[in-house]
Amino acid sequence: MALSRAAGWNQAPEDWRHVLEAGRARGAVMEGRLVASAALMPYGAFGWICMVLVVPDVRRQGHATRLMDWATRELEAAGRIAGLDATPEGREVYARLRFRDVAGLTRWAAPEGAHGETSPASMRCRAMTDTDFEIVAREDARVFRADRRSVVAAFRERRPDLALVSCGADAIEGYCFGRGGDLATHVGPVVAPSDVVGQALIDAAVARTRGAVIIDLADRHVETAGRLARAGFVARRSFTRMVRSDRPFGMDGAVFAVAGPEFG
């Protein structure tokens, strides 16, 4: 948590705990102090690199590069495609390590009291049942291109009020999850077939939060970005989703908001 807070990141202790239990992590120690970290989450044929953090006073000394080298070698030795969400500064480093761009993301943030718009479509959103979760977990594996059931199950356990589905005439149309963070509630992932459904899920989730909220929105959803801006959200930072593979690998168009750089 000291590393996260030094960088102004939003991870909660539960996020770190899940990564350490479900994945692997390595750190750099100087004079008895943890000064850098990197972690990886194995998702079947895919591996997610996260928690790449270096305290400000020892940056540009090669810690991140060495830890990234460890993470990529671990994943590739297991035959997994490595992926991550990069900050603008990190993107330069990762490009030199043969990661390529997949999609752009923007973090939208709203302070307490700035949560605005609702839509009639949000009335079709309801709490996710156990039966719903099984359907959602299979769909999430399809759009994410890997099984991260343990992650979304943990989100649902932590914030069941933010585990929602949008229902059409006879089937689930879309879904979302959320979790508490150190600084704000993170809404995501949000997966939906259309702007109407995606926005409805975001509206329904945000209406169930108190305090600050963040959403890591896929840049392709321009209409939804405008809607967030009108509701009082502000674009705080950008990310680039990257993979280390020459195989075709894009981000499914149904993904409105991602789970965050911690989990993909």
Protein backbone atom coordinates (compact mmCIF):
# COMPACT_ATOMS: atom_id res chain seq x y z
CA MET A 1 0.00 0.00 0.00
CA ALA A 2 2.93 2.35 0.59
CA LEU A 3 3.95 1.88 -3.06
CA SER A 4 0.38 2.53 -4.27
CA ARG A 5 -0.05 5.62 -2.13
CA ALA A 6 3.30 7.08 -3.15
CA ALA A 7 2.10 6.90 -6.77
CA GLY A 8 -1.42 8.17 -5.98
CA TRP A 9 -2.96 4.90 -7.20
CA ASN A 10 -6.30 3.52 -6.08
CA GLN A 11 -5.51 -0.05 -5.00
CA ALA A 12 -7.11 -1.20 -1.76
CA PRO A 13 -5.49 -3.79 0.51
CA GLU A 14 -7.99 -6.33 -0.87
CA ASP A 15 -6.61 -5.74 -4.39
CA TRP A 16 -3.06 -6.45 -3.31
CA ARG A 17 -4.19 -9.47 -1.31
CA HIS A 18 -5.99 -10.95 -4.31
CA VAL A 19 -3.00 -10.44 -6.60
CA LEU A 20 -0.63 -12.04 -4.08
CA GLU A 21 -2.95 -15.02 -3.55
CA ALA A 22 -4.04 -15.63 -7.16
CA GLY A 23 -0.89 -14.47 -8.94
CA ARG A 24 2.79 -13.85 -8.30
CA ALA A 25 4.75 -10.73 -7.39
CA ARG A 26 8.34 -9.63 -7.07
CA GLY A 27 9.85 -6.56 -5.45
CA ALA A 28 13.07 -4.59 -5.26
CA VAL A 29 14.45 -3.78 -1.81
CA MET A 30 17.00 -1.09 -0.98
CA GLU A 31 18.35 -0.70 2.57
CA GLY A 32 15.48 -2.75 3.95
CA ARG A 33 12.80 -0.73 2.13
CA LEU A 34 10.52 -2.05 -0.61
CA VAL A 35 11.03 0.45 -3.45
CA ALA A 36 9.53 -1.26 -6.50
CA SER A 37 7.14 -4.03 -7.45
CA ALA A 38 5.64 -5.95 -10.34
CA ALA A 39 3.03 -8.69 -10.34
CA LEU A 40 1.38 -11.02 -12.79
CA MET A 41 -2.02 -12.66 -12.90
CA PRO A 42 -2.29 -15.96 -14.84
CA TYR A 43 -5.53 -16.17 -16.82
CA GLY A 44 -5.14 -19.43 -18.71
CA ALA A 45 -3.46 -18.70 -22.06
CA PHE A 46 -3.22 -15.02 -21.10
CA GLY A 47 -1.20 -13.30 -18.39
CA TRP A 48 -1.82 -9.85 -16.95
CA ILE A 49 1.10 -7.74 -15.69
CA CYS A 50 0.17 -5.26 -12.98
CA MET A 51 1.32 -3.36 -9.89
CA VAL A 52 4.42 -2.05 -11.69
CA LEU A 53 5.37 0.61 -9.16
CA VAL A 54 8.56 2.43 -8.22
CA VAL A 55 8.81 4.98 -5.41
CA PRO A 56 9.63 8.47 -6.76
CA ASP A 57 13.11 8.86 -5.25
CA VAL A 58 14.58 5.79 -7.01
CA ARG A 59 12.95 6.04 -10.43
CA ARG A 60 14.99 5.79 -13.65
CA GLN A 61 17.42 3.36 -12.02
CA GLY A 62 16.24 0.30 -13.97
CA HIS A 63 14.00 -1.26 -11.32
CA ALA A 64 10.87 -1.30 -13.48
CA THR A 65 12.76 -2.68 -16.49
CA ARG A 66 14.25 -5.53 -14.47
CA LEU A 67 10.92 -6.40 -12.88
CA MET A 68 9.17 -6.27 -16.25
CA ASP A 69 11.81 -8.58 -17.68
CA TRP A 70 11.05 -11.06 -14.89
CA ALA A 71 7.30 -10.85 -15.50
CA THR A 72 7.47 -11.29 -19.28
CA ARG A 73 9.90 -14.21 -19.01
CA GLU A 74 7.66 -15.93 -16.45
CA LEU A 75 4.58 -15.59 -18.65
CA GLU A 76 6.25 -16.58 -21.89
CA ALA A 77 7.92 -19.59 -20.29
CA ALA A 78 4.37 -20.73 -19.44
CA GLY A 79 3.21 -20.06 -23.03
CA ARG A 80 1.00 -17.12 -22.05
CA ILE A 81 0.43 -13.87 -23.96
CA ALA A 82 1.45 -10.94 -21.76
CA GLY A 83 -0.87 -7.94 -21.49
CA LEU A 84 -1.04 -4.74 -19.44
CA ASP A 85 -2.48 -1.24 -19.20
CA ALA A 86 0.27 1.35 -19.56
CA THR A 87 0.46 4.94 -18.38
CA PRO A 88 1.90 7.36 -20.97
CA GLU A 89 5.31 7.13 -19.24
CA GLY A 90 5.19 3.34 -19.02
CA ARG A 91 4.10 2.96 -22.64
CA GLU A 92 7.52 4.13 -23.85
CA VAL A 93 9.24 1.52 -21.70
CA TYR A 94 6.89 -1.29 -22.73
CA ALA A 95 7.15 -0.47 -26.44
CA ARG A 96 10.90 -1.09 -26.19
CA LEU A 97 10.04 -4.47 -24.64
CA ARG A 98 8.03 -5.35 -27.78
CA PHE A 99 4.57 -4.61 -26.40
CA ARG A 100 2.18 -3.13 -28.96
CA ASP A 101 -0.93 -0.99 -28.60
CA VAL A 102 -4.36 -2.61 -28.55
CA ALA A 103 -6.73 0.13 -27.36
CA GLY A 104 -6.87 3.49 -25.65
CA LEU A 105 -8.52 4.04 -22.26
CA THR A 106 -9.31 7.14 -20.22
CA ARG A 107 -9.90 7.31 -16.49
CA TRP A 108 -12.97 9.41 -15.73
CA ALA A 109 -13.32 10.57 -12.13
CA ALA A 110 -16.13 12.25 -10.20
CA PRO A 111 -15.93 13.61 -6.67
CA GLU A 112 -18.68 13.09 -4.16
CA GLY A 113 -21.89 14.79 -5.25
CA ALA A 114 -21.04 14.92 -8.98
CA HIS A 115 -22.92 11.75 -9.91
CA GLY A 116 -25.52 12.81 -12.41
CA GLU A 117 -27.53 11.34 -15.22
CA THR A 118 -29.85 8.38 -15.13
CA SER A 119 -31.73 6.82 -18.00
CA PRO A 120 -34.96 4.85 -18.44
CA ALA A 121 -32.83 1.91 -19.58
CA SER A 122 -31.19 1.75 -16.14
CA MET A 123 -34.54 0.47 -14.84
CA ARG A 124 -33.73 -2.81 -16.63
CA CYS A 125 -30.66 -3.28 -14.42
CA ARG A 126 -30.85 -5.50 -11.35
CA ALA A 127 -28.64 -7.30 -8.89
CA MET A 128 -26.75 -10.30 -10.26
CA THR A 129 -27.96 -13.70 -9.03
CA ASP A 130 -25.84 -16.86 -8.73
CA THR A 131 -27.41 -18.16 -11.95
CA ASP A 132 -26.66 -14.85 -13.67
CA PHE A 133 -23.06 -15.01 -12.51
CA GLU A 134 -22.44 -18.31 -14.31
CA ILE A 135 -23.69 -16.79 -17.57
CA VAL A 136 -21.70 -13.61 -16.99
CA ALA A 137 -18.48 -15.48 -16.17
CA ARG A 138 -18.67 -17.35 -19.49
CA GLU A 139 -19.36 -14.14 -21.41
CA ASP A 140 -16.54 -12.35 -19.60
CA ALA A 141 -14.12 -15.09 -20.63
CA ARG A 142 -15.23 -14.61 -24.24
CA VAL A 143 -14.83 -10.81 -24.37
CA PHE A 144 -11.64 -10.75 -22.27
CA ARG A 145 -10.26 -13.74 -24.20
CA ALA A 146 -9.31 -15.49 -20.97
CA ASP A 147 -10.99 -16.81 -17.85
CA ARG A 148 -10.79 -14.35 -14.95
CA ARG A 149 -13.64 -15.85 -12.95
CA SER A 150 -11.72 -15.52 -9.68
CA VAL A 151 -11.39 -11.76 -10.18
CA VAL A 152 -15.02 -10.98 -10.99
CA ALA A 153 -16.16 -13.35 -8.25
CA ALA A 154 -14.02 -11.41 -5.78
CA PHE A 155 -15.50 -8.12 -7.01
CA ARG A 156 -19.01 -9.50 -6.54
CA GLU A 157 -18.21 -10.65 -3.01
CA ARG A 158 -16.70 -7.28 -2.08
CA ARG A 159 -19.43 -5.11 -3.62
CA PRO A 160 -22.53 -7.20 -4.41
CA ASP A 161 -24.51 -3.97 -4.85
CA LEU A 162 -22.37 -3.13 -7.90
CA ALA A 163 -22.63 -6.59 -9.52
CA LEU A 164 -25.46 -5.85 -11.95
CA VAL A 165 -27.01 -7.23 -15.10
CA SER A 166 -29.17 -5.54 -17.70
CA CYS A 167 -32.01 -7.75 -18.90
CA GLY A 168 -33.78 -7.70 -22.24
CA ALA A 169 -36.94 -9.57 -23.15
CA ASP A 170 -35.57 -13.03 -22.39
CA ALA A 171 -31.84 -12.80 -21.74
CA ILE A 172 -29.02 -10.89 -20.05
CA GLU A 173 -27.86 -8.06 -22.32
CA GLY A 174 -24.89 -6.76 -20.36
CA TYR A 175 -23.23 -6.70 -16.96
CA CYS A 176 -20.99 -4.71 -14.68
CA PHE A 177 -18.99 -5.06 -11.47
CA GLY A 178 -17.31 -2.63 -9.10
CA ARG A 179 -15.08 -2.52 -6.05
CA GLY A 180 -13.96 -0.16 -3.36
CA GLY A 181 -10.53 1.45 -3.70
CA ASP A 182 -8.19 3.42 -1.47
CA LEU A 183 -9.33 6.73 -3.01
CA ALA A 184 -12.55 6.01 -4.91
CA THR A 185 -15.05 3.35 -5.93
CA HIS A 186 -13.98 1.77 -9.22
CA VAL A 187 -16.86 0.86 -11.57
CA GLY A 188 -15.81 -1.83 -14.05
CA PRO A 189 -15.68 -4.03 -15.94
CA VAL A 190 -18.77 -2.95 -17.87
CA VAL A 191 -19.70 -5.08 -20.89
CA ALA A 192 -22.68 -4.33 -23.12
CA PRO A 193 -23.78 -4.69 -26.75
CA SER A 194 -24.76 -1.02 -27.23
CA ASP A 195 -24.30 2.51 -25.90
CA VAL A 196 -27.79 2.43 -24.42
CA VAL A 197 -27.11 -0.70 -22.35
CA GLY A 198 -23.56 0.31 -21.40
CA GLN A 199 -24.68 3.72 -20.20
CA ALA A 200 -27.60 2.21 -18.30
CA LEU A 201 -25.27 -0.13 -16.39
CA ILE A 202 -22.90 2.72 -15.57
CA ASP A 203 -25.83 4.88 -14.41
CA ALA A 204 -27.18 2.10 -12.21
CA ALA A 205 -23.79 1.37 -10.66
CA VAL A 206 -22.89 5.01 -10.03
CA ALA A 207 -26.28 5.59 -8.41
CA ARG A 208 -25.35 2.90 -5.86
CA THR A 209 -22.07 4.57 -4.81
CA ARG A 210 -21.13 7.20 -2.29
CA GLY A 211 -18.06 9.38 -2.46
CA ALA A 212 -15.63 9.57 -5.35
CA VAL A 213 -16.02 7.28 -8.39
CA ILE A 214 -13.63 6.32 -11.19
CA ILE A 215 -14.35 4.57 -14.49
CA ASP A 216 -11.67 3.40 -16.96
CA LEU A 217 -13.63 3.88 -20.19
CA ALA A 218 -12.62 2.56 -23.61
CA ASP A 219 -11.88 5.58 -25.82
CA ARG A 220 -14.01 4.22 -28.67
CA HIS A 221 -17.13 5.00 -26.65
CA VAL A 222 -17.13 8.73 -27.38
CA GLU A 223 -20.84 9.23 -26.70
CA THR A 224 -20.52 7.69 -23.25
CA ALA A 225 -17.49 9.89 -22.50
CA GLY A 226 -19.54 12.97 -23.33
CA ARG A 227 -22.31 11.77 -21.10
CA LEU A 228 -19.89 11.27 -18.20
CA ALA A 229 -18.55 14.79 -18.71
CA ARG A 230 -22.06 16.23 -18.55
CA ALA A 231 -22.63 14.30 -15.33
CA GLY A 232 -19.64 15.95 -13.65
CA PHE A 233 -16.89 13.43 -14.42
CA VAL A 234 -13.44 14.70 -15.44
CA ALA A 235 -10.82 12.91 -17.56
CA ARG A 236 -7.92 12.32 -15.15
CA ARG A 237 -5.40 10.14 -16.98
CA SER A 238 -4.98 7.95 -20.04
CA PHE A 239 -3.92 4.34 -20.38
CA THR A 240 -2.97 2.21 -23.36
CA ARG A 241 -3.86 -1.48 -23.38
CA MET A 242 -0.85 -3.35 -24.76
CA VAL A 243 0.07 -6.97 -25.52
CA ARG A 244 3.36 -8.69 -26.23
CA SER A 245 2.33 -10.80 -29.20
CA ASP A 246 2.33 -10.59 -32.97
CA ARG A 247 -0.96 -12.48 -33.15
CA PRO A 248 -4.12 -10.45 -33.86
CA PHE A 249 -5.42 -9.38 -30.48
CA GLY A 250 -7.87 -6.50 -30.06
CA MET A 251 -10.22 -5.41 -27.32
CA ASP A 252 -13.80 -6.58 -27.85
CA GLY A 253 -16.10 -3.74 -28.85
CA ALA A 254 -18.59 -4.74 -26.13
CA VAL A 255 -16.13 -3.63 -23.44
CA PHE A 256 -17.21 -0.20 -22.22
CA ALA A 257 -15.10 0.01 -19.08
CA VAL A 258 -12.29 -2.25 -17.89
CA ALA A 259 -11.54 -3.74 -14.49
CA GLY A 260 -8.55 -1.41 -14.16
CA PRO A 261 -4.80 -1.76 -14.62
CA GLU A 262 -4.73 -4.11 -11.63
CA PHE A 263 -6.84 -6.81 -13.25
CA GLY A 264 -7.33 -6.15 -16.96
